[in-house]
Amino acid sequence: MSNGFWPCPFKGFHCCLDGVVGSKGIPRLMTHIKRHHFGSDDRKDNLRRAIAEDPNLFTSVCEALRLSEQWLC
């Protein structure tokens, strides 16, 4: 997360293979996460399970959301 580039912490989920959201900055990342990864209840449930089971993913998500002044509920 340097030089204004914010990779998606959910790379590997929902066809987000490389974590690149196509632009720089927190607003673009948050739009990507909300539309692409939280776009359905199934996707949200999938990510909840993954975050609960993978401490590295949990840390990545927490850091991305903390820096964007968001929180995952």
N, C-alpha and C. Protein backbone atom coordinates (compact mmCIF):
# COMPACT_ATOMS: atom_id res chain seq x y z
N MET A 1 0.83 -1.18 0.00
CA MET A 1 0.00 0.00 0.00
C MET A 1 0.87 1.25 0.00
N SER A 2 1.59 1.45 -1.06
CA SER A 2 2.44 2.61 -1.14
C SER A 2 2.12 3.40 -2.40
N ASN A 3 2.56 4.63 -2.42
CA ASN A 3 2.37 5.50 -3.57
C ASN A 3 0.90 5.65 -3.96
N GLY A 4 -0.01 5.55 -3.01
CA GLY A 4 -1.43 5.73 -3.31
C GLY A 4 -2.10 4.52 -3.92
N PHE A 5 -1.38 3.43 -4.12
CA PHE A 5 -1.97 2.22 -4.69
C PHE A 5 -2.44 1.32 -3.56
N TRP A 6 -3.70 0.94 -3.59
CA TRP A 6 -4.28 0.12 -2.54
C TRP A 6 -4.81 -1.18 -3.15
N PRO A 7 -4.08 -2.28 -3.00
CA PRO A 7 -4.56 -3.55 -3.55
C PRO A 7 -5.74 -4.08 -2.73
N CYS A 8 -6.59 -4.82 -3.37
CA CYS A 8 -7.74 -5.41 -2.70
C CYS A 8 -7.28 -6.51 -1.75
N PRO A 9 -7.70 -6.48 -0.48
CA PRO A 9 -7.30 -7.53 0.45
C PRO A 9 -7.99 -8.86 0.15
N PHE A 10 -8.98 -8.85 -0.74
CA PHE A 10 -9.72 -10.07 -1.06
C PHE A 10 -9.28 -10.69 -2.38
N LYS A 11 -8.03 -10.42 -2.82
CA LYS A 11 -7.59 -11.03 -4.07
C LYS A 11 -7.69 -12.55 -3.94
N GLY A 12 -8.11 -13.18 -5.02
CA GLY A 12 -8.33 -14.62 -5.00
C GLY A 12 -9.78 -14.99 -4.76
N PHE A 13 -10.60 -14.03 -4.38
CA PHE A 13 -12.03 -14.28 -4.16
C PHE A 13 -12.84 -13.64 -5.28
N HIS A 14 -13.88 -14.31 -5.72
CA HIS A 14 -14.86 -13.75 -6.66
C HIS A 14 -14.21 -13.22 -7.94
N CYS A 15 -13.30 -13.96 -8.51
CA CYS A 15 -12.62 -13.61 -9.76
C CYS A 15 -11.75 -12.36 -9.63
N CYS A 16 -11.35 -12.01 -8.45
CA CYS A 16 -10.43 -10.89 -8.21
C CYS A 16 -9.04 -11.53 -8.06
N LEU A 17 -8.44 -11.90 -9.18
CA LEU A 17 -7.24 -12.73 -9.15
C LEU A 17 -5.99 -12.01 -8.69
N ASP A 18 -5.81 -10.75 -9.10
CA ASP A 18 -4.56 -10.07 -8.78
C ASP A 18 -4.71 -8.99 -7.72
N GLY A 19 -5.92 -8.68 -7.32
CA GLY A 19 -6.13 -7.65 -6.30
C GLY A 19 -6.05 -6.23 -6.81
N VAL A 20 -5.85 -6.06 -8.11
CA VAL A 20 -5.76 -4.72 -8.69
C VAL A 20 -7.17 -4.23 -9.00
N VAL A 21 -7.51 -3.09 -8.49
CA VAL A 21 -8.87 -2.58 -8.67
C VAL A 21 -8.96 -1.56 -9.80
N GLY A 22 -7.91 -1.37 -10.53
CA GLY A 22 -7.97 -0.54 -11.73
C GLY A 22 -7.68 0.92 -11.53
N SER A 23 -7.41 1.34 -10.32
CA SER A 23 -7.16 2.75 -10.07
C SER A 23 -6.47 2.90 -8.73
N LYS A 24 -6.00 4.08 -8.45
CA LYS A 24 -5.37 4.35 -7.17
C LYS A 24 -6.39 4.94 -6.20
N GLY A 25 -6.11 4.79 -4.93
CA GLY A 25 -6.85 5.50 -3.91
C GLY A 25 -7.89 4.67 -3.17
N ILE A 26 -8.14 5.11 -1.96
CA ILE A 26 -9.09 4.46 -1.07
C ILE A 26 -10.51 4.47 -1.63
N PRO A 27 -11.02 5.58 -2.18
CA PRO A 27 -12.41 5.54 -2.67
C PRO A 27 -12.63 4.45 -3.72
N ARG A 28 -11.68 4.28 -4.62
CA ARG A 28 -11.81 3.25 -5.65
C ARG A 28 -11.79 1.85 -5.03
N LEU A 29 -10.91 1.65 -4.06
CA LEU A 29 -10.84 0.35 -3.38
C LEU A 29 -12.15 0.04 -2.66
N MET A 30 -12.69 1.01 -1.93
CA MET A 30 -13.92 0.77 -1.18
C MET A 30 -15.09 0.50 -2.11
N THR A 31 -15.16 1.20 -3.23
CA THR A 31 -16.21 0.93 -4.22
C THR A 31 -16.09 -0.48 -4.75
N HIS A 32 -14.86 -0.89 -5.06
CA HIS A 32 -14.61 -2.25 -5.55
C HIS A 32 -15.07 -3.29 -4.53
N ILE A 33 -14.67 -3.12 -3.28
CA ILE A 33 -15.02 -4.09 -2.24
C ILE A 33 -16.53 -4.16 -2.05
N LYS A 34 -17.17 -3.01 -1.95
CA LYS A 34 -18.62 -3.00 -1.69
C LYS A 34 -19.41 -3.59 -2.84
N ARG A 35 -19.04 -3.27 -4.07
CA ARG A 35 -19.79 -3.77 -5.23
C ARG A 35 -19.43 -5.20 -5.59
N HIS A 36 -18.14 -5.49 -5.61
CA HIS A 36 -17.69 -6.78 -6.12
C HIS A 36 -17.73 -7.88 -5.06
N HIS A 37 -17.22 -7.60 -3.88
CA HIS A 37 -17.09 -8.64 -2.86
C HIS A 37 -18.27 -8.70 -1.89
N PHE A 38 -18.94 -7.59 -1.67
CA PHE A 38 -20.09 -7.58 -0.76
C PHE A 38 -21.40 -7.43 -1.52
N GLY A 39 -21.39 -7.78 -2.80
CA GLY A 39 -22.54 -7.57 -3.67
C GLY A 39 -23.70 -8.52 -3.45
N SER A 40 -23.48 -9.61 -2.73
CA SER A 40 -24.57 -10.55 -2.46
C SER A 40 -24.35 -11.18 -1.09
N ASP A 41 -25.42 -11.75 -0.54
CA ASP A 41 -25.30 -12.41 0.76
C ASP A 41 -24.36 -13.61 0.70
N ASP A 42 -24.37 -14.35 -0.41
CA ASP A 42 -23.46 -15.49 -0.55
C ASP A 42 -22.00 -15.05 -0.51
N ARG A 43 -21.70 -13.97 -1.20
CA ARG A 43 -20.32 -13.47 -1.20
C ARG A 43 -19.92 -12.98 0.18
N LYS A 44 -20.81 -12.28 0.86
CA LYS A 44 -20.52 -11.82 2.22
C LYS A 44 -20.26 -13.00 3.15
N ASP A 45 -21.09 -14.03 3.07
CA ASP A 45 -20.91 -15.21 3.92
C ASP A 45 -19.59 -15.91 3.63
N ASN A 46 -19.24 -16.01 2.36
CA ASN A 46 -17.98 -16.63 1.96
C ASN A 46 -16.81 -15.88 2.58
N LEU A 47 -16.84 -14.57 2.51
CA LEU A 47 -15.76 -13.76 3.07
C LEU A 47 -15.74 -13.80 4.59
N ARG A 48 -16.88 -13.83 5.22
CA ARG A 48 -16.92 -13.94 6.69
C ARG A 48 -16.21 -15.20 7.15
N ARG A 49 -16.50 -16.31 6.49
CA ARG A 49 -15.85 -17.57 6.84
C ARG A 49 -14.34 -17.50 6.60
N ALA A 50 -13.95 -16.96 5.46
CA ALA A 50 -12.53 -16.87 5.13
C ALA A 50 -11.78 -15.99 6.12
N ILE A 51 -12.36 -14.86 6.48
CA ILE A 51 -11.72 -13.95 7.43
C ILE A 51 -11.59 -14.61 8.80
N ALA A 52 -12.60 -15.34 9.21
CA ALA A 52 -12.57 -16.02 10.51
C ALA A 52 -11.51 -17.12 10.55
N GLU A 53 -11.23 -17.73 9.42
CA GLU A 53 -10.31 -18.87 9.37
C GLU A 53 -8.87 -18.50 9.02
N ASP A 54 -8.64 -17.32 8.46
CA ASP A 54 -7.31 -16.95 7.98
C ASP A 54 -6.84 -15.66 8.66
N PRO A 55 -5.94 -15.78 9.64
CA PRO A 55 -5.48 -14.58 10.35
C PRO A 55 -4.78 -13.56 9.45
N ASN A 56 -4.09 -14.01 8.41
CA ASN A 56 -3.43 -13.07 7.50
C ASN A 56 -4.46 -12.26 6.71
N LEU A 57 -5.51 -12.91 6.28
CA LEU A 57 -6.58 -12.19 5.58
C LEU A 57 -7.26 -11.20 6.52
N PHE A 58 -7.52 -11.64 7.75
CA PHE A 58 -8.12 -10.75 8.75
C PHE A 58 -7.27 -9.50 8.93
N THR A 59 -5.96 -9.67 9.06
CA THR A 59 -5.05 -8.54 9.25
C THR A 59 -5.06 -7.61 8.04
N SER A 60 -5.03 -8.18 6.84
CA SER A 60 -5.05 -7.38 5.61
C SER A 60 -6.32 -6.55 5.51
N VAL A 61 -7.44 -7.18 5.80
CA VAL A 61 -8.72 -6.49 5.73
C VAL A 61 -8.80 -5.39 6.79
N CYS A 62 -8.38 -5.71 8.00
CA CYS A 62 -8.40 -4.70 9.07
C CYS A 62 -7.57 -3.50 8.71
N GLU A 63 -6.38 -3.73 8.17
CA GLU A 63 -5.50 -2.61 7.83
C GLU A 63 -6.11 -1.76 6.71
N ALA A 64 -6.63 -2.38 5.68
CA ALA A 64 -7.24 -1.64 4.57
C ALA A 64 -8.42 -0.82 5.06
N LEU A 65 -9.25 -1.40 5.89
CA LEU A 65 -10.43 -0.69 6.38
C LEU A 65 -10.08 0.39 7.40
N ARG A 66 -9.10 0.11 8.24
CA ARG A 66 -8.67 1.11 9.22
C ARG A 66 -8.16 2.36 8.51
N LEU A 67 -7.31 2.17 7.52
CA LEU A 67 -6.74 3.30 6.81
C LEU A 67 -7.79 4.07 6.00
N SER A 68 -8.88 3.40 5.66
CA SER A 68 -9.94 4.08 4.91
C SER A 68 -11.05 4.57 5.83
N GLU A 69 -10.82 4.46 7.13
CA GLU A 69 -11.79 4.88 8.15
C GLU A 69 -13.14 4.18 7.98
N GLN A 70 -13.07 2.89 7.66
CA GLN A 70 -14.24 2.03 7.54
C GLN A 70 -14.09 0.90 8.56
N TRP A 71 -15.11 0.09 8.71
CA TRP A 71 -15.00 -1.10 9.54
C TRP A 71 -15.89 -2.19 9.00
N LEU A 72 -15.46 -3.41 9.19
CA LEU A 72 -16.19 -4.58 8.70
C LEU A 72 -17.08 -5.10 9.82
N CYS A 73 -18.39 -5.11 9.59
CA CYS A 73 -19.34 -5.58 10.60
C CYS A 73 -19.90 -6.92 10.19
